[in-house]
Amino acid sequence: MPQEIWINLPVKDVEKSTAFFKQLGFQANNVGSVRAKLSIGQTTILLFPDAEIEKFAKAKIADTSHSAEVLFSLGAESREAVDDMIRQVELAGGTIFGKPSEQDGWMYGAGFADLDGHRWNLLYMDESRMPKG
């Protein structure tokens, strides 16, 4: 059985994308122009140039200006952490597509796109207010 999941993410510029994610608190190592390894919590994300992903996947990458290939979700420790990260996204050059707001009375979240248009969901869940049943 597999022990880990590595997300291989196509990017136009590995070094610029690495700098973006570092501003958001991701840890980066093995950074070069061909690949970067990022981690946040228990998740590993590998950044590769678009052409490398197409070679590995034997398929064209999604055009993120017209479609979303996936929505990555990140858990936040508090409402303030959501707000702080969204500010960091804006400062780092990302795009906010969902401003921070409360949802269903117990969730607080926001949505952003990274430099390459990949979509990310940031969510704080107050489980003490979660509906029962």
C-alpha atoms as a PDB file:
ATOM      1  CA  MET A   1       0.000   0.000   0.000  1.00  0.00           C
ATOM      2  CA  PRO A   2       1.300   3.504  -0.812  1.00  0.00           C
ATOM      3  CA  GLN A   3       2.810   5.410   2.110  1.00  0.00           C
ATOM      4  CA  GLU A   4       2.765   8.971   0.792  1.00  0.00           C
ATOM      5  CA  ILE A   5       1.060  11.162  -1.764  1.00  0.00           C
ATOM      6  CA  TRP A   6       3.132  13.616  -3.777  1.00  0.00           C
ATOM      7  CA  ILE A   7       1.290  16.239  -5.768  1.00  0.00           C
ATOM      8  CA  ASN A   8       3.084  17.065  -9.029  1.00  0.00           C
ATOM      9  CA  LEU A   9       2.077  20.587 -10.006  1.00  0.00           C
ATOM     10  CA  PRO A  10       2.872  22.115 -13.412  1.00  0.00           C
ATOM     11  CA  VAL A  11       4.169  25.688 -13.289  1.00  0.00           C
ATOM     12  CA  LYS A  12       5.476  28.148 -15.836  1.00  0.00           C
ATOM     13  CA  ASP A  13       8.437  29.262 -13.686  1.00  0.00           C
ATOM     14  CA  VAL A  14       9.619  26.969 -10.884  1.00  0.00           C
ATOM     15  CA  GLU A  15      11.648  29.648  -9.090  1.00  0.00           C
ATOM     16  CA  LYS A  16       8.858  32.281  -9.127  1.00  0.00           C
ATOM     17  CA  SER A  17       6.271  29.726  -8.008  1.00  0.00           C
ATOM     18  CA  THR A  18       8.574  28.549  -5.228  1.00  0.00           C
ATOM     19  CA  ALA A  19       8.975  32.135  -3.999  1.00  0.00           C
ATOM     20  CA  PHE A  20       5.175  32.565  -4.044  1.00  0.00           C
ATOM     21  CA  PHE A  21       4.549  29.470  -1.939  1.00  0.00           C
ATOM     22  CA  LYS A  22       7.375  30.313   0.472  1.00  0.00           C
ATOM     23  CA  GLN A  23       5.618  33.644   1.173  1.00  0.00           C
ATOM     24  CA  LEU A  24       2.559  31.592   2.181  1.00  0.00           C
ATOM     25  CA  GLY A  25       4.532  29.517   4.661  1.00  0.00           C
ATOM     26  CA  PHE A  26       5.378  26.441   2.598  1.00  0.00           C
ATOM     27  CA  GLN A  27       8.788  24.921   3.276  1.00  0.00           C
ATOM     28  CA  ALA A  28      10.959  24.598   0.177  1.00  0.00           C
ATOM     29  CA  ASN A  29      14.009  22.478  -0.541  1.00  0.00           C
ATOM     30  CA  ASN A  30      15.694  20.978  -3.573  1.00  0.00           C
ATOM     31  CA  VAL A  31      14.859  24.147  -5.492  1.00  0.00           C
ATOM     32  CA  GLY A  32      16.175  24.518  -9.000  1.00  0.00           C
ATOM     33  CA  SER A  33      14.937  25.600 -12.406  1.00  0.00           C
ATOM     34  CA  VAL A  34      13.757  22.050 -13.181  1.00  0.00           C
ATOM     35  CA  ARG A  35      12.067  21.077  -9.913  1.00  0.00           C
ATOM     36  CA  ALA A  36      11.198  22.262  -6.415  1.00  0.00           C
ATOM     37  CA  LYS A  37       9.973  20.237  -3.474  1.00  0.00           C
ATOM     38  CA  LEU A  38       7.531  22.042  -1.179  1.00  0.00           C
ATOM     39  CA  SER A  39       5.892  20.825   1.977  1.00  0.00           C
ATOM     40  CA  ILE A  40       3.129  22.035   4.217  1.00  0.00           C
ATOM     41  CA  GLY A  41       2.017  19.860   7.083  1.00  0.00           C
ATOM     42  CA  GLN A  42       2.218  16.248   5.900  1.00  0.00           C
ATOM     43  CA  THR A  43       1.768  17.108   2.217  1.00  0.00           C
ATOM     44  CA  THR A  44       4.535  17.208  -0.392  1.00  0.00           C
ATOM     45  CA  ILE A  45       4.102  19.236  -3.568  1.00  0.00           C
ATOM     46  CA  LEU A  46       6.604  18.962  -6.394  1.00  0.00           C
ATOM     47  CA  LEU A  47       6.739  21.869  -8.835  1.00  0.00           C
ATOM     48  CA  PHE A  48       7.752  20.998 -12.387  1.00  0.00           C
ATOM     49  CA  PRO A  49       7.787  23.003 -15.608  1.00  0.00           C
ATOM     50  CA  ASP A  50       4.644  22.460 -17.679  1.00  0.00           C
ATOM     51  CA  ALA A  51       6.512  20.458 -20.338  1.00  0.00           C
ATOM     52  CA  GLU A  52       7.861  17.993 -17.755  1.00  0.00           C
ATOM     53  CA  ILE A  53       4.374  17.251 -16.403  1.00  0.00           C
ATOM     54  CA  GLU A  54       3.070  16.752 -19.944  1.00  0.00           C
ATOM     55  CA  LYS A  55       5.911  14.295 -20.576  1.00  0.00           C
ATOM     56  CA  PHE A  56       5.213  12.312 -17.360  1.00  0.00           C
ATOM     57  CA  ALA A  57       1.415  12.368 -17.735  1.00  0.00           C
ATOM     58  CA  LYS A  58       1.434  11.827 -21.495  1.00  0.00           C
ATOM     59  CA  ALA A  59      -1.307  14.464 -21.699  1.00  0.00           C
ATOM     60  CA  LYS A  60      -1.658  18.233 -22.062  1.00  0.00           C
ATOM     61  CA  ILE A  61      -1.979  20.179 -18.820  1.00  0.00           C
ATOM     62  CA  ALA A  62      -5.237  22.014 -18.120  1.00  0.00           C
ATOM     63  CA  ASP A  63      -5.554  25.622 -19.257  1.00  0.00           C
ATOM     64  CA  THR A  64      -6.204  27.189 -15.849  1.00  0.00           C
ATOM     65  CA  SER A  65      -7.380  30.442 -17.436  1.00  0.00           C
ATOM     66  CA  HIS A  66     -10.497  28.549 -18.618  1.00  0.00           C
ATOM     67  CA  SER A  67     -10.831  25.578 -16.284  1.00  0.00           C
ATOM     68  CA  ALA A  68      -9.899  24.163 -12.900  1.00  0.00           C
ATOM     69  CA  GLU A  69      -8.201  20.786 -12.932  1.00  0.00           C
ATOM     70  CA  VAL A  70      -8.400  20.376  -9.151  1.00  0.00           C
ATOM     71  CA  LEU A  71      -9.215  22.362  -6.007  1.00  0.00           C
ATOM     72  CA  PHE A  72      -6.602  22.005  -3.284  1.00  0.00           C
ATOM     73  CA  SER A  73      -7.956  22.546   0.231  1.00  0.00           C
ATOM     74  CA  LEU A  74      -5.820  23.737   3.128  1.00  0.00           C
ATOM     75  CA  GLY A  75      -6.999  23.598   6.729  1.00  0.00           C
ATOM     76  CA  ALA A  76      -6.466  26.725   8.819  1.00  0.00           C
ATOM     77  CA  GLU A  77      -6.104  26.948  12.596  1.00  0.00           C
ATOM     78  CA  SER A  78      -8.383  29.994  12.971  1.00  0.00           C
ATOM     79  CA  ARG A  79     -10.397  32.654  11.161  1.00  0.00           C
ATOM     80  CA  GLU A  80      -7.436  34.989  11.666  1.00  0.00           C
ATOM     81  CA  ALA A  81      -5.129  32.468   9.985  1.00  0.00           C
ATOM     82  CA  VAL A  82      -7.443  32.477   6.935  1.00  0.00           C
ATOM     83  CA  ASP A  83      -7.366  36.282   6.808  1.00  0.00           C
ATOM     84  CA  ASP A  84      -3.573  36.372   7.263  1.00  0.00           C
ATOM     85  CA  MET A  85      -2.918  33.868   4.496  1.00  0.00           C
ATOM     86  CA  ILE A  86      -5.242  35.699   2.092  1.00  0.00           C
ATOM     87  CA  ARG A  87      -3.284  38.901   2.763  1.00  0.00           C
ATOM     88  CA  GLN A  88      -0.064  36.991   2.034  1.00  0.00           C
ATOM     89  CA  VAL A  89      -1.553  35.607  -1.202  1.00  0.00           C
ATOM     90  CA  GLU A  90      -2.350  39.144  -2.373  1.00  0.00           C
ATOM     91  CA  LEU A  91       1.127  40.416  -1.437  1.00  0.00           C
ATOM     92  CA  ALA A  92       2.739  37.457  -3.237  1.00  0.00           C
ATOM     93  CA  GLY A  93       0.821  38.129  -6.472  1.00  0.00           C
ATOM     94  CA  GLY A  94      -1.937  35.522  -6.244  1.00  0.00           C
ATOM     95  CA  THR A  95      -5.580  36.113  -7.176  1.00  0.00           C
ATOM     96  CA  ILE A  96      -8.451  35.958  -4.679  1.00  0.00           C
ATOM     97  CA  PHE A  97     -11.546  34.358  -6.216  1.00  0.00           C
ATOM     98  CA  GLY A  98     -13.462  33.928  -2.953  1.00  0.00           C
ATOM     99  CA  LYS A  99     -13.108  36.577  -0.251  1.00  0.00           C
ATOM    100  CA  PRO A 100     -13.016  35.354   3.355  1.00  0.00           C
ATOM    101  CA  SER A 101     -16.523  34.619   4.581  1.00  0.00           C
ATOM    102  CA  GLU A 102     -18.498  32.418   6.919  1.00  0.00           C
ATOM    103  CA  GLN A 103     -20.288  29.419   5.458  1.00  0.00           C
ATOM    104  CA  ASP A 104     -23.087  27.425   7.084  1.00  0.00           C
ATOM    105  CA  GLY A 105     -22.432  29.014  10.489  1.00  0.00           C
ATOM    106  CA  TRP A 106     -19.379  26.897  11.347  1.00  0.00           C
ATOM    107  CA  MET A 107     -16.921  27.229   8.483  1.00  0.00           C
ATOM    108  CA  TYR A 108     -14.858  30.263   7.525  1.00  0.00           C
ATOM    109  CA  GLY A 109     -12.913  30.206   4.320  1.00  0.00           C
ATOM    110  CA  ALA A 110     -11.601  31.843   1.196  1.00  0.00           C
ATOM    111  CA  GLY A 111     -10.356  30.857  -2.254  1.00  0.00           C
ATOM    112  CA  PHE A 112      -7.315  31.910  -4.228  1.00  0.00           C
ATOM    113  CA  ALA A 113      -5.402  31.062  -7.389  1.00  0.00           C
ATOM    114  CA  ASP A 114      -1.616  30.789  -7.422  1.00  0.00           C
ATOM    115  CA  LEU A 115       0.629  32.331 -10.089  1.00  0.00           C
ATOM    116  CA  ASP A 116      -0.271  29.565 -12.540  1.00  0.00           C
ATOM    117  CA  GLY A 117      -4.018  29.690 -11.909  1.00  0.00           C
ATOM    118  CA  HIS A 118      -4.226  26.544  -9.766  1.00  0.00           C
ATOM    119  CA  ARG A 119      -7.123  26.961  -7.330  1.00  0.00           C
ATOM    120  CA  TRP A 120      -6.764  26.668  -3.564  1.00  0.00           C
ATOM    121  CA  ASN A 121      -9.410  26.641  -0.861  1.00  0.00           C
ATOM    122  CA  LEU A 122      -8.476  27.775   2.643  1.00  0.00           C
ATOM    123  CA  LEU A 123     -10.857  26.687   5.391  1.00  0.00           C
ATOM    124  CA  TYR A 124     -11.204  26.978   9.158  1.00  0.00           C
ATOM    125  CA  MET A 125     -13.854  24.675  10.635  1.00  0.00           C
ATOM    126  CA  ASP A 126     -15.241  25.377  14.111  1.00  0.00           C
ATOM    127  CA  GLU A 127     -16.398  21.850  14.867  1.00  0.00           C
ATOM    128  CA  SER A 128     -18.051  22.988  18.129  1.00  0.00           C
ATOM    129  CA  ARG A 129     -20.604  24.839  15.933  1.00  0.00           C
ATOM    130  CA  MET A 130     -20.962  22.021  13.419  1.00  0.00           C
ATOM    131  CA  PRO A 131     -24.593  20.849  13.037  1.00  0.00           C
ATOM    132  CA  LYS A 132     -25.343  17.554  14.790  1.00  0.00           C
ATOM    133  CA  GLY A 133     -26.811  14.632  12.927  1.00  0.00           C
END
